[in-house]
Protein backbone atom coordinates (compact mmCIF):
# COMPACT_ATOMS: atom_id res chain seq x y z
CA MET A 1 126.30 116.72 118.85
CA ARG A 2 125.83 116.21 122.58
CA ILE A 3 123.13 118.06 124.46
CA PRO A 4 121.70 117.78 127.98
CA ILE A 5 118.06 116.83 128.41
CA HIS A 6 117.03 120.29 129.66
CA VAL A 7 118.52 121.90 126.52
CA LEU A 8 116.73 119.35 124.33
CA LYS A 9 113.42 120.11 126.01
CA ALA A 10 113.87 123.84 125.48
CA GLY A 11 114.59 123.52 121.75
CA LEU A 12 112.98 120.22 120.74
CA SER A 13 111.69 121.40 117.36
CA ARG A 14 115.12 122.67 116.35
CA TYR A 15 116.84 119.41 117.31
CA ILE A 16 114.21 117.29 115.55
CA ALA A 17 114.78 119.36 112.40
CA GLN A 18 118.53 118.77 112.68
CA ALA A 19 117.97 115.01 113.06
CA ARG A 20 115.68 115.07 110.04
CA GLU A 21 118.52 116.66 108.05
CA GLY A 22 120.82 113.76 109.02
CA GLN A 23 122.60 114.92 112.14
CA ALA A 24 122.75 112.46 115.07
CA ILE A 25 121.98 114.03 118.44
CA GLU A 26 123.24 112.40 121.63
CA VAL A 27 121.15 113.29 124.68
CA THR A 28 122.92 113.34 128.04
CA SER A 29 121.90 113.28 131.67
CA HIS A 30 124.54 114.29 134.21
CA ASP A 31 127.14 114.16 131.41
CA LYS A 32 126.32 110.53 130.57
CA PRO A 33 124.74 109.55 127.23
CA VAL A 34 121.15 108.31 127.66
CA ALA A 35 119.67 108.50 124.16
CA LEU A 36 120.51 109.02 120.52
CA ILE A 37 118.15 110.89 118.23
CA VAL A 38 118.55 110.17 114.53
CA GLY A 39 116.32 111.03 111.61
CA ILE A 40 114.42 108.39 109.68
CA PRO A 41 115.54 108.30 106.04
CA SER A 42 112.82 109.03 103.55
CA ALA A 43 111.40 105.80 102.24
CA SER A 44 112.12 104.97 98.67
CA PRO A 45 109.09 103.98 96.64
CA SER A 46 108.38 100.27 96.70
CA GLY A 47 106.36 97.83 94.67
CA VAL A 48 104.16 99.35 92.00
CA LYS A 49 105.28 102.90 92.82
CA ARG A 50 108.91 101.92 92.17
CA LEU A 51 107.97 100.32 88.84
CA LEU A 52 106.03 103.42 87.81
CA ALA A 53 108.86 105.74 88.88
CA SER A 54 111.47 103.74 86.93
CA GLY A 55 109.33 103.61 83.80
CA ALA A 56 109.11 99.79 83.90
CA ALA A 57 105.31 100.09 84.19
CA GLN A 58 102.75 102.62 83.03
CA TRP A 59 99.33 103.55 84.33
CA SER A 60 96.87 105.99 82.84
CA GLY A 61 94.92 106.33 86.08
CA GLY A 62 91.87 104.37 84.96
CA LYS A 63 90.50 101.02 86.04
CA PRO A 64 91.80 97.93 84.24
CA THR A 65 89.55 96.44 81.60
CA PRO A 66 89.37 92.65 81.37
CA LYS A 67 90.32 90.92 78.15
CA PRO A 68 87.74 88.69 76.47
CA ALA A 69 87.57 85.07 77.67
CA ILE A 70 89.81 82.58 75.89
CA LYS A 71 87.86 80.00 73.89
CA LEU A 72 89.25 76.46 73.66
CA GLY A 73 88.55 73.28 71.77
CA ALA A 74 85.85 72.43 69.26
CA SER A 75 83.11 73.43 71.70
CA GLY A 76 84.29 77.04 71.67
CA LYS A 77 83.69 77.36 75.40
CA ALA A 78 85.60 79.78 77.56
CA VAL A 79 88.09 78.31 80.02
CA SER A 80 86.06 79.75 82.91
CA GLU A 81 82.94 77.95 81.64
CA MET A 82 84.85 74.65 81.42
CA VAL A 83 86.13 75.05 84.99
CA LEU A 84 82.62 75.71 86.28
CA GLU A 85 81.32 72.59 84.48
CA ASP A 86 84.09 70.46 85.99
CA ARG A 87 83.25 71.71 89.48
CA GLY A 88 79.56 70.87 89.06
């Protein structure tokens, strides 16, 4: 669709709605194209939202709860305790 700038200005909301629906609108000035208005496609969910939407992940809405520390060796110390000792 080709429209002159003055027509675009008079009916901007209508033309934006048409672009949103997928129609490309070529804006002209003195019968020469000066701009192209196209709608932005709706973004597909990404990252965690995509995993939740596909069913690959689940979330009950609550905060995660940590698992108990892993105990190693004869001392029965947690890995985090061993790391802290090594740093000291």
